[in-house]
Amino acid sequence: MCGICGVWEYGATRGNVRSELLTSMSDVMTHRGPDDSGELVFDEARGGFGFRRLSIIDLSAAGHQPMHGCTDRVWLVFNGEIYNHAALREGLEQRGHVYASRTDSETILHLYEERGLDFVHDLEGDFAIACGTRTGKGSSSRAIGPGLSHSISIIKTDALCLPLRLRQS
């Protein structure tokens, strides 16, 4: 399975998370995913996620993570396997969702875009997921860009863990 990691500097007034830190964290897990790696820095460098990929379902570059949804408003890092993703995908495509890959990761993104956090009730499998949303203007969350705010959700089954470093400033 893949490997995911992250840092969130909760309450920081100035972000210190850099891509190099996330690369260093994910490079410790190279054995978890020798096929690809990626990182995402968000919330004005107050947070970030790293990823190591073990390509199983879709071997193409389309499975690169962190992965964005139909727009860059929704993104995720995901480790695990969604056993029923083919059936879920079929329903999502019938409802108008357009896929760019054959990954179960993208199925999670489309479900999240459609149902919010309730998507987790549809999943059968073992997984750890960190998904984020840029929620628009006027939110009480920290700004991550012009008029945007950010929320993060971390979801996992008992079988997997997500190494997430929280640092309060």
N, C-alpha and C. Protein backbone atom coordinates (compact mmCIF):
# COMPACT_ATOMS: atom_id res chain seq x y z
N MET A 1 0.83 -1.19 0.00
CA MET A 1 0.00 0.00 0.00
C MET A 1 0.87 1.24 0.00
N CYS A 2 0.27 2.34 -0.35
CA CYS A 2 0.97 3.63 -0.41
C CYS A 2 1.30 4.12 1.00
N GLY A 3 1.94 5.26 1.06
CA GLY A 3 2.23 5.90 2.34
C GLY A 3 1.85 7.36 2.27
N ILE A 4 1.19 7.87 3.33
CA ILE A 4 0.84 9.28 3.41
C ILE A 4 1.31 9.84 4.73
N CYS A 5 1.63 11.12 4.73
CA CYS A 5 2.07 11.80 5.94
C CYS A 5 1.65 13.25 5.87
N GLY A 6 1.77 13.96 6.97
CA GLY A 6 1.37 15.36 6.94
C GLY A 6 1.84 16.14 8.15
N VAL A 7 1.77 17.45 8.01
CA VAL A 7 2.09 18.40 9.07
C VAL A 7 1.01 19.47 9.04
N TRP A 8 0.55 19.86 10.22
CA TRP A 8 -0.36 21.00 10.33
C TRP A 8 0.07 21.82 11.51
N GLU A 9 0.44 23.05 11.29
CA GLU A 9 0.86 23.96 12.35
C GLU A 9 -0.38 24.72 12.84
N TYR A 10 -1.11 24.06 13.72
CA TYR A 10 -2.36 24.58 14.23
C TYR A 10 -2.13 25.89 15.00
N GLY A 11 -2.83 26.93 14.63
CA GLY A 11 -2.75 28.20 15.34
C GLY A 11 -1.57 29.08 14.94
N ALA A 12 -0.76 28.66 14.00
CA ALA A 12 0.41 29.45 13.61
C ALA A 12 -0.03 30.73 12.90
N THR A 13 0.63 31.83 13.20
CA THR A 13 0.33 33.07 12.50
C THR A 13 1.12 33.18 11.20
N ARG A 14 2.22 32.45 11.13
CA ARG A 14 3.05 32.43 9.91
C ARG A 14 3.44 30.99 9.65
N GLY A 15 3.19 30.54 8.44
CA GLY A 15 3.46 29.14 8.11
C GLY A 15 4.93 28.87 7.86
N ASN A 16 5.37 27.69 8.32
CA ASN A 16 6.75 27.26 8.14
C ASN A 16 6.87 25.93 7.41
N VAL A 17 5.77 25.38 6.93
CA VAL A 17 5.81 24.09 6.26
C VAL A 17 6.35 24.31 4.84
N ARG A 18 7.35 23.56 4.49
CA ARG A 18 7.97 23.66 3.17
C ARG A 18 7.89 22.31 2.46
N SER A 19 7.91 22.37 1.17
CA SER A 19 7.88 21.17 0.34
C SER A 19 9.02 20.22 0.71
N GLU A 20 10.19 20.77 1.03
CA GLU A 20 11.34 19.95 1.37
C GLU A 20 11.08 19.10 2.62
N LEU A 21 10.36 19.64 3.59
CA LEU A 21 10.02 18.88 4.80
C LEU A 21 9.12 17.70 4.43
N LEU A 22 8.12 17.95 3.61
CA LEU A 22 7.20 16.88 3.21
C LEU A 22 7.92 15.82 2.39
N THR A 23 8.83 16.24 1.53
CA THR A 23 9.63 15.29 0.76
C THR A 23 10.46 14.42 1.68
N SER A 24 11.08 15.05 2.67
CA SER A 24 11.89 14.31 3.64
C SER A 24 11.04 13.30 4.41
N MET A 25 9.84 13.70 4.84
CA MET A 25 8.95 12.80 5.56
C MET A 25 8.52 11.63 4.68
N SER A 26 8.17 11.92 3.44
CA SER A 26 7.69 10.84 2.57
C SER A 26 8.83 9.94 2.10
N ASP A 27 10.04 10.49 2.00
CA ASP A 27 11.18 9.66 1.59
C ASP A 27 11.51 8.58 2.62
N VAL A 28 11.12 8.78 3.87
CA VAL A 28 11.31 7.76 4.90
C VAL A 28 10.44 6.54 4.58
N MET A 29 9.38 6.75 3.80
CA MET A 29 8.43 5.69 3.48
C MET A 29 8.58 5.18 2.05
N THR A 30 9.74 5.32 1.45
CA THR A 30 9.94 4.89 0.07
C THR A 30 9.52 3.44 -0.13
N HIS A 31 9.76 2.61 0.85
CA HIS A 31 9.37 1.19 0.76
C HIS A 31 7.86 1.02 0.65
N ARG A 32 7.08 2.01 1.09
CA ARG A 32 5.62 1.94 1.00
C ARG A 32 5.12 2.29 -0.40
N GLY A 33 5.94 3.05 -1.14
CA GLY A 33 5.52 3.47 -2.46
C GLY A 33 6.69 3.89 -3.31
N PRO A 34 7.30 2.94 -4.02
CA PRO A 34 8.47 3.27 -4.83
C PRO A 34 8.14 3.86 -6.20
N ASP A 35 6.86 3.91 -6.59
CA ASP A 35 6.50 4.27 -7.96
C ASP A 35 6.34 5.77 -8.20
N ASP A 36 6.01 6.54 -7.16
CA ASP A 36 5.77 7.97 -7.35
C ASP A 36 5.75 8.63 -5.97
N SER A 37 5.90 9.94 -5.97
CA SER A 37 5.77 10.70 -4.73
C SER A 37 5.21 12.07 -5.06
N GLY A 38 4.67 12.71 -4.06
CA GLY A 38 4.12 14.06 -4.26
C GLY A 38 3.93 14.73 -2.93
N GLU A 39 3.76 16.03 -2.97
CA GLU A 39 3.48 16.79 -1.76
C GLU A 39 2.61 17.98 -2.10
N LEU A 40 1.92 18.48 -1.10
CA LEU A 40 1.04 19.64 -1.23
C LEU A 40 1.21 20.49 0.00
N VAL A 41 1.53 21.76 -0.17
CA VAL A 41 1.60 22.73 0.92
C VAL A 41 0.35 23.59 0.82
N PHE A 42 -0.33 23.82 1.94
CA PHE A 42 -1.57 24.57 1.92
C PHE A 42 -1.68 25.49 3.12
N ASP A 43 -2.74 26.27 3.16
CA ASP A 43 -3.05 27.19 4.26
C ASP A 43 -1.86 28.12 4.55
N GLU A 44 -1.41 28.79 3.50
CA GLU A 44 -0.29 29.74 3.61
C GLU A 44 0.90 29.11 4.32
N ALA A 45 1.22 27.89 3.95
CA ALA A 45 2.36 27.11 4.46
C ALA A 45 2.20 26.74 5.94
N ARG A 46 0.96 26.65 6.41
CA ARG A 46 0.71 26.17 7.77
C ARG A 46 0.48 24.66 7.79
N GLY A 47 0.27 24.05 6.62
CA GLY A 47 0.02 22.62 6.56
C GLY A 47 0.50 22.03 5.26
N GLY A 48 0.61 20.71 5.27
CA GLY A 48 1.00 20.03 4.04
C GLY A 48 0.87 18.53 4.18
N PHE A 49 0.76 17.87 3.04
CA PHE A 49 0.69 16.42 2.98
C PHE A 49 1.72 15.89 2.01
N GLY A 50 2.30 14.74 2.37
CA GLY A 50 3.24 14.03 1.51
C GLY A 50 2.66 12.69 1.14
N PHE A 51 3.17 12.12 0.05
CA PHE A 51 2.60 10.89 -0.48
C PHE A 51 3.67 10.05 -1.15
N ARG A 52 3.61 8.74 -0.94
CA ARG A 52 4.42 7.75 -1.67
C ARG A 52 3.45 6.78 -2.33
N ARG A 53 3.63 6.52 -3.61
CA ARG A 53 2.67 5.70 -4.36
C ARG A 53 3.22 4.33 -4.71
N LEU A 54 2.40 3.34 -4.43
CA LEU A 54 2.59 1.99 -4.93
C LEU A 54 1.45 1.77 -5.94
N SER A 55 1.77 1.80 -7.21
CA SER A 55 0.75 1.71 -8.27
C SER A 55 0.22 0.29 -8.37
N ILE A 56 -1.10 0.14 -8.20
CA ILE A 56 -1.72 -1.18 -8.28
C ILE A 56 -2.88 -1.18 -9.26
N ILE A 57 -3.84 -0.29 -9.09
CA ILE A 57 -5.05 -0.31 -9.92
C ILE A 57 -4.81 0.42 -11.24
N ASP A 58 -4.32 1.63 -11.20
CA ASP A 58 -4.03 2.41 -12.40
C ASP A 58 -2.54 2.73 -12.37
N LEU A 59 -1.79 2.18 -13.29
CA LEU A 59 -0.34 2.33 -13.27
C LEU A 59 0.13 3.62 -13.92
N SER A 60 -0.78 4.39 -14.48
CA SER A 60 -0.41 5.61 -15.21
C SER A 60 -0.13 6.78 -14.26
N ALA A 61 0.41 7.84 -14.82
CA ALA A 61 0.68 9.06 -14.05
C ALA A 61 -0.60 9.74 -13.59
N ALA A 62 -1.74 9.34 -14.12
CA ALA A 62 -3.02 9.93 -13.71
C ALA A 62 -3.34 9.64 -12.24
N GLY A 63 -2.66 8.66 -11.64
CA GLY A 63 -2.89 8.33 -10.24
C GLY A 63 -2.03 9.12 -9.27
N HIS A 64 -1.29 10.12 -9.77
CA HIS A 64 -0.41 10.92 -8.91
C HIS A 64 -1.22 11.60 -7.79
N GLN A 65 -0.63 11.63 -6.60
CA GLN A 65 -1.24 12.32 -5.46
C GLN A 65 -0.21 13.26 -4.85
N PRO A 66 -0.69 14.27 -4.14
CA PRO A 66 -2.06 14.64 -3.85
C PRO A 66 -2.85 14.87 -5.13
N MET A 67 -4.11 14.45 -5.08
CA MET A 67 -4.97 14.46 -6.25
C MET A 67 -6.09 15.48 -6.04
N HIS A 68 -6.33 16.28 -7.08
CA HIS A 68 -7.42 17.25 -7.05
C HIS A 68 -8.65 16.67 -7.71
N GLY A 69 -9.81 17.18 -7.31
CA GLY A 69 -11.06 16.77 -7.92
C GLY A 69 -11.26 17.45 -9.26
N CYS A 70 -12.52 17.63 -9.63
CA CYS A 70 -12.84 18.26 -10.92
C CYS A 70 -12.28 19.67 -11.01
N THR A 71 -12.16 20.34 -9.88
CA THR A 71 -11.49 21.64 -9.79
C THR A 71 -10.43 21.51 -8.71
N ASP A 72 -9.67 22.57 -8.46
CA ASP A 72 -8.68 22.50 -7.39
C ASP A 72 -9.29 22.84 -6.03
N ARG A 73 -10.63 22.86 -5.94
CA ARG A 73 -11.31 23.14 -4.68
C ARG A 73 -11.24 21.95 -3.72
N VAL A 74 -11.21 20.73 -4.23
CA VAL A 74 -11.19 19.51 -3.41
C VAL A 74 -9.95 18.70 -3.78
N TRP A 75 -9.24 18.16 -2.77
CA TRP A 75 -8.05 17.36 -3.00
C TRP A 75 -7.94 16.29 -1.92
N LEU A 76 -7.07 15.30 -2.16
CA LEU A 76 -6.86 14.27 -1.15
C LEU A 76 -5.51 13.60 -1.29
N VAL A 77 -5.11 12.95 -0.20
CA VAL A 77 -4.10 11.90 -0.22
C VAL A 77 -4.78 10.68 0.38
N PHE A 78 -4.46 9.52 -0.18
CA PHE A 78 -5.20 8.30 0.16
C PHE A 78 -4.24 7.12 0.18
N ASN A 79 -4.40 6.28 1.17
CA ASN A 79 -3.66 5.04 1.30
C ASN A 79 -4.68 3.94 1.55
N GLY A 80 -4.58 2.87 0.81
CA GLY A 80 -5.47 1.75 1.07
C GLY A 80 -6.09 1.21 -0.19
N GLU A 81 -7.23 0.56 0.01
CA GLU A 81 -7.95 -0.02 -1.12
C GLU A 81 -9.44 0.09 -0.85
N ILE A 82 -10.18 0.55 -1.84
CA ILE A 82 -11.63 0.61 -1.78
C ILE A 82 -12.15 -0.56 -2.60
N TYR A 83 -12.64 -1.58 -1.91
CA TYR A 83 -13.03 -2.82 -2.57
C TYR A 83 -14.19 -2.64 -3.55
N ASN A 84 -15.09 -1.73 -3.24
CA ASN A 84 -16.29 -1.55 -4.07
C ASN A 84 -16.18 -0.33 -4.99
N HIS A 85 -14.97 0.10 -5.30
CA HIS A 85 -14.84 1.34 -6.08
C HIS A 85 -15.38 1.20 -7.50
N ALA A 86 -15.32 0.03 -8.11
CA ALA A 86 -15.84 -0.13 -9.48
C ALA A 86 -17.36 0.11 -9.51
N ALA A 87 -18.07 -0.44 -8.54
CA ALA A 87 -19.52 -0.23 -8.47
C ALA A 87 -19.84 1.24 -8.15
N LEU A 88 -19.07 1.83 -7.24
CA LEU A 88 -19.28 3.24 -6.91
C LEU A 88 -19.01 4.11 -8.13
N ARG A 89 -17.95 3.80 -8.85
CA ARG A 89 -17.58 4.57 -10.05
C ARG A 89 -18.71 4.53 -11.07
N GLU A 90 -19.27 3.35 -11.28
CA GLU A 90 -20.36 3.21 -12.26
C GLU A 90 -21.51 4.16 -11.93
N GLY A 91 -21.90 4.19 -10.67
CA GLY A 91 -22.98 5.10 -10.25
C GLY A 91 -22.61 6.56 -10.41
N LEU A 92 -21.38 6.89 -10.07
CA LEU A 92 -20.92 8.28 -10.20
C LEU A 92 -20.91 8.72 -11.66
N GLU A 93 -20.44 7.85 -12.55
CA GLU A 93 -20.43 8.17 -13.99
C GLU A 93 -21.85 8.34 -14.52
N GLN A 94 -22.78 7.51 -14.05
CA GLN A 94 -24.17 7.65 -14.47
C GLN A 94 -24.76 8.98 -14.02
N ARG A 95 -24.23 9.52 -12.92
CA ARG A 95 -24.70 10.81 -12.41
C ARG A 95 -23.90 11.99 -12.98
N GLY A 96 -23.04 11.73 -13.97
CA GLY A 96 -22.37 12.82 -14.66
C GLY A 96 -20.93 13.10 -14.27
N HIS A 97 -20.36 12.34 -13.35
CA HIS A 97 -18.96 12.56 -12.98
C HIS A 97 -18.05 12.05 -14.09
N VAL A 98 -17.02 12.83 -14.40
CA VAL A 98 -16.07 12.50 -15.45
C VAL A 98 -14.74 12.16 -14.80
N TYR A 99 -14.19 11.02 -15.15
CA TYR A 99 -12.95 10.52 -14.57
C TYR A 99 -11.76 10.83 -15.47
N ALA A 100 -10.61 11.08 -14.84
CA ALA A 100 -9.35 11.27 -15.56
C ALA A 100 -8.42 10.07 -15.37
N SER A 101 -8.80 9.13 -14.49
CA SER A 101 -7.96 7.97 -14.19
C SER A 101 -8.83 6.75 -13.94
N ARG A 102 -8.19 5.63 -13.63
CA ARG A 102 -8.91 4.41 -13.26
C ARG A 102 -8.74 4.12 -11.76
N THR A 103 -8.31 5.11 -10.98
CA THR A 103 -7.95 4.89 -9.57
C THR A 103 -9.16 4.90 -8.64
N ASP A 104 -9.02 4.16 -7.54
CA ASP A 104 -10.03 4.26 -6.50
C ASP A 104 -9.92 5.60 -5.77
N SER A 105 -8.75 6.23 -5.83
CA SER A 105 -8.57 7.56 -5.24
C SER A 105 -9.54 8.56 -5.86
N GLU A 106 -9.65 8.52 -7.16
CA GLU A 106 -10.54 9.47 -7.85
C GLU A 106 -12.00 9.20 -7.52
N THR A 107 -12.35 7.95 -7.29
CA THR A 107 -13.72 7.63 -6.87
C THR A 107 -14.02 8.30 -5.53
N ILE A 108 -13.06 8.27 -4.62
CA ILE A 108 -13.23 8.94 -3.33
C ILE A 108 -13.46 10.44 -3.54
N LEU A 109 -12.66 11.05 -4.40
CA LEU A 109 -12.82 12.49 -4.67
C LEU A 109 -14.21 12.82 -5.18
N HIS A 110 -14.69 12.06 -6.15
CA HIS A 110 -16.01 12.33 -6.71
C HIS A 110 -17.11 12.12 -5.66
N LEU A 111 -16.97 11.09 -4.85
CA LEU A 111 -17.95 10.89 -3.77
C LEU A 111 -17.92 12.06 -2.79
N TYR A 112 -16.73 12.52 -2.44
CA TYR A 112 -16.59 13.65 -1.51
C TYR A 112 -17.20 14.92 -2.11
N GLU A 113 -16.97 15.15 -3.40
CA GLU A 113 -17.56 16.32 -4.06
C GLU A 113 -19.08 16.24 -4.05
N GLU A 114 -19.61 15.05 -4.18
CA GLU A 114 -21.06 14.86 -4.26
C GLU A 114 -21.74 14.84 -2.89
N ARG A 115 -21.10 14.20 -1.90
CA ARG A 115 -21.79 13.93 -0.63
C ARG A 115 -21.14 14.57 0.59
N GLY A 116 -20.01 15.23 0.42
CA GLY A 116 -19.31 15.72 1.60
C GLY A 116 -18.79 14.55 2.40
N LEU A 117 -18.61 14.74 3.70
CA LEU A 117 -18.03 13.68 4.53
C LEU A 117 -18.90 12.44 4.66
N ASP A 118 -20.17 12.53 4.27
CA ASP A 118 -21.03 11.34 4.30
C ASP A 118 -20.57 10.27 3.31
N PHE A 119 -19.66 10.63 2.38
CA PHE A 119 -19.17 9.66 1.41
C PHE A 119 -18.57 8.43 2.07
N VAL A 120 -18.03 8.59 3.26
CA VAL A 120 -17.32 7.49 3.91
C VAL A 120 -18.24 6.30 4.18
N HIS A 121 -19.53 6.54 4.32
CA HIS A 121 -20.48 5.45 4.57
C HIS A 121 -20.65 4.52 3.37
N ASP A 122 -20.25 4.99 2.19
CA ASP A 122 -20.35 4.17 0.98
C ASP A 122 -19.14 3.28 0.76
N LEU A 123 -18.05 3.55 1.46
CA LEU A 123 -16.78 2.86 1.20
C LEU A 123 -16.70 1.51 1.90
N GLU A 124 -16.25 0.52 1.16
CA GLU A 124 -15.91 -0.78 1.72
C GLU A 124 -14.42 -0.99 1.45
N GLY A 125 -13.63 -1.15 2.51
CA GLY A 125 -12.21 -1.34 2.31
C GLY A 125 -11.40 -0.97 3.54
N ASP A 126 -10.11 -0.94 3.37
CA ASP A 126 -9.16 -0.50 4.39
C ASP A 126 -8.49 0.75 3.84
N PHE A 127 -8.50 1.82 4.61
CA PHE A 127 -8.01 3.07 4.06
C PHE A 127 -7.67 4.09 5.14
N ALA A 128 -6.82 5.02 4.75
CA ALA A 128 -6.58 6.26 5.48
C ALA A 128 -6.66 7.36 4.43
N ILE A 129 -7.45 8.38 4.70
CA ILE A 129 -7.70 9.45 3.74
C ILE A 129 -7.55 10.79 4.45
N ALA A 130 -6.86 11.70 3.83
CA ALA A 130 -6.88 13.10 4.26
C ALA A 130 -7.41 13.88 3.07
N CYS A 131 -8.55 14.54 3.26
CA CYS A 131 -9.13 15.32 2.18
C CYS A 131 -9.31 16.75 2.63
N GLY A 132 -9.17 17.65 1.70
CA GLY A 132 -9.28 19.07 2.01
C GLY A 132 -10.17 19.78 1.02
N THR A 133 -10.75 20.88 1.48
CA THR A 133 -11.67 21.66 0.67
C THR A 133 -11.36 23.14 0.83
N ARG A 134 -11.30 23.83 -0.27
CA ARG A 134 -11.29 25.29 -0.25
C ARG A 134 -12.75 25.68 -0.22
N THR A 135 -13.16 26.35 0.85
CA THR A 135 -14.58 26.52 1.10
C THR A 135 -15.16 27.85 0.66
N GLY A 136 -14.37 28.76 0.13
CA GLY A 136 -14.91 30.01 -0.40
C GLY A 136 -14.78 31.17 0.55
N LYS A 137 -15.40 32.28 0.18
CA LYS A 137 -15.29 33.52 0.94
C LYS A 137 -16.15 33.49 2.19
N GLY A 138 -15.71 34.23 3.20
CA GLY A 138 -16.53 34.45 4.37
C GLY A 138 -16.50 33.36 5.42
N SER A 139 -15.64 32.40 5.29
CA SER A 139 -15.56 31.34 6.29
C SER A 139 -14.65 31.76 7.44
N SER A 140 -14.81 31.12 8.57
CA SER A 140 -13.97 31.44 9.72
C SER A 140 -12.64 30.69 9.67
N SER A 141 -12.46 29.78 8.71
CA SER A 141 -11.19 29.07 8.58
C SER A 141 -10.11 30.02 8.09
N ARG A 142 -8.86 29.62 8.27
CA ARG A 142 -7.74 30.45 7.81
C ARG A 142 -7.76 30.60 6.29
N ALA A 143 -7.33 31.74 5.83
CA ALA A 143 -7.27 31.98 4.40
C ALA A 143 -6.14 31.18 3.78
N ILE A 144 -6.34 30.66 2.57
CA ILE A 144 -5.25 29.99 1.85
C ILE A 144 -5.00 30.66 0.51
N GLY A 145 -5.69 31.68 0.21
CA GLY A 145 -5.51 32.39 -1.04
C GLY A 145 -6.52 33.50 -1.10
N PRO A 146 -6.58 34.21 -2.20
CA PRO A 146 -7.52 35.33 -2.31
C PRO A 146 -8.96 34.87 -2.09
N GLY A 147 -9.54 35.23 -0.97
CA GLY A 147 -10.93 34.93 -0.70
C GLY A 147 -11.25 33.47 -0.44
N LEU A 148 -10.26 32.64 -0.17
CA LEU A 148 -10.50 31.23 0.04
C LEU A 148 -10.20 30.84 1.47
N SER A 149 -10.87 29.82 1.95
CA SER A 149 -10.57 29.26 3.26
C SER A 149 -10.43 27.76 3.10
N HIS A 150 -10.04 27.10 4.17
CA HIS A 150 -9.63 25.72 4.03
C HIS A 150 -10.16 24.87 5.17
N SER A 151 -10.59 23.64 4.87
CA SER A 151 -10.94 22.68 5.91
C SER A 151 -10.27 21.35 5.58
N ILE A 152 -9.94 20.59 6.61
CA ILE A 152 -9.26 19.31 6.44
C ILE A 152 -10.04 18.25 7.21
N SER A 153 -10.17 17.08 6.61
CA SER A 153 -10.78 15.94 7.28
C SER A 153 -9.86 14.75 7.15
N ILE A 154 -9.71 14.02 8.24
CA ILE A 154 -8.88 12.82 8.24
C ILE A 154 -9.76 11.65 8.63
N ILE A 155 -9.77 10.62 7.79
CA ILE A 155 -10.64 9.47 7.98
C ILE A 155 -9.79 8.22 7.83
N LYS A 156 -10.00 7.23 8.71
CA LYS A 156 -9.24 5.99 8.56
C LYS A 156 -10.02 4.82 9.12
N THR A 157 -9.69 3.63 8.66
CA THR A 157 -10.20 2.42 9.26
C THR A 157 -9.21 2.00 10.34
N ASP A 158 -9.59 1.07 11.19
CA ASP A 158 -8.70 0.62 12.26
C ASP A 158 -7.45 -0.06 11.74
N ALA A 159 -7.50 -0.55 10.51
CA ALA A 159 -6.38 -1.31 9.97
C ALA A 159 -5.20 -0.44 9.56
N LEU A 160 -5.42 0.84 9.33
CA LEU A 160 -4.36 1.71 8.83
C LEU A 160 -4.19 2.93 9.73
N CYS A 161 -2.99 3.50 9.70
CA CYS A 161 -2.75 4.72 10.48
C CYS A 161 -2.20 5.80 9.57
N LEU A 162 -2.39 7.04 9.97
CA LEU A 162 -1.89 8.20 9.24
C LEU A 162 -0.94 8.95 10.14
N PRO A 163 0.35 9.00 9.79
CA PRO A 163 1.29 9.78 10.59
C PRO A 163 1.10 11.26 10.31
N LEU A 164 0.46 11.96 11.21
CA LEU A 164 0.20 13.38 11.06
C LEU A 164 0.83 14.12 12.23
N ARG A 165 1.65 15.06 11.93
CA ARG A 165 2.35 15.83 12.96
C ARG A 165 1.59 17.14 13.16
N LEU A 166 1.03 17.33 14.34
CA LEU A 166 0.35 18.58 14.68
C LEU A 166 1.30 19.41 15.52
N ARG A 167 1.45 20.66 15.15
CA ARG A 167 2.37 21.53 15.87
C ARG A 167 1.62 22.82 16.16
N GLN A 168 1.39 23.13 17.42
CA GLN A 168 0.70 24.35 17.78
C GLN A 168 1.71 25.46 18.01
N SER A 169 1.42 26.62 17.41
CA SER A 169 2.33 27.76 17.53
C SER A 169 1.72 28.82 18.41
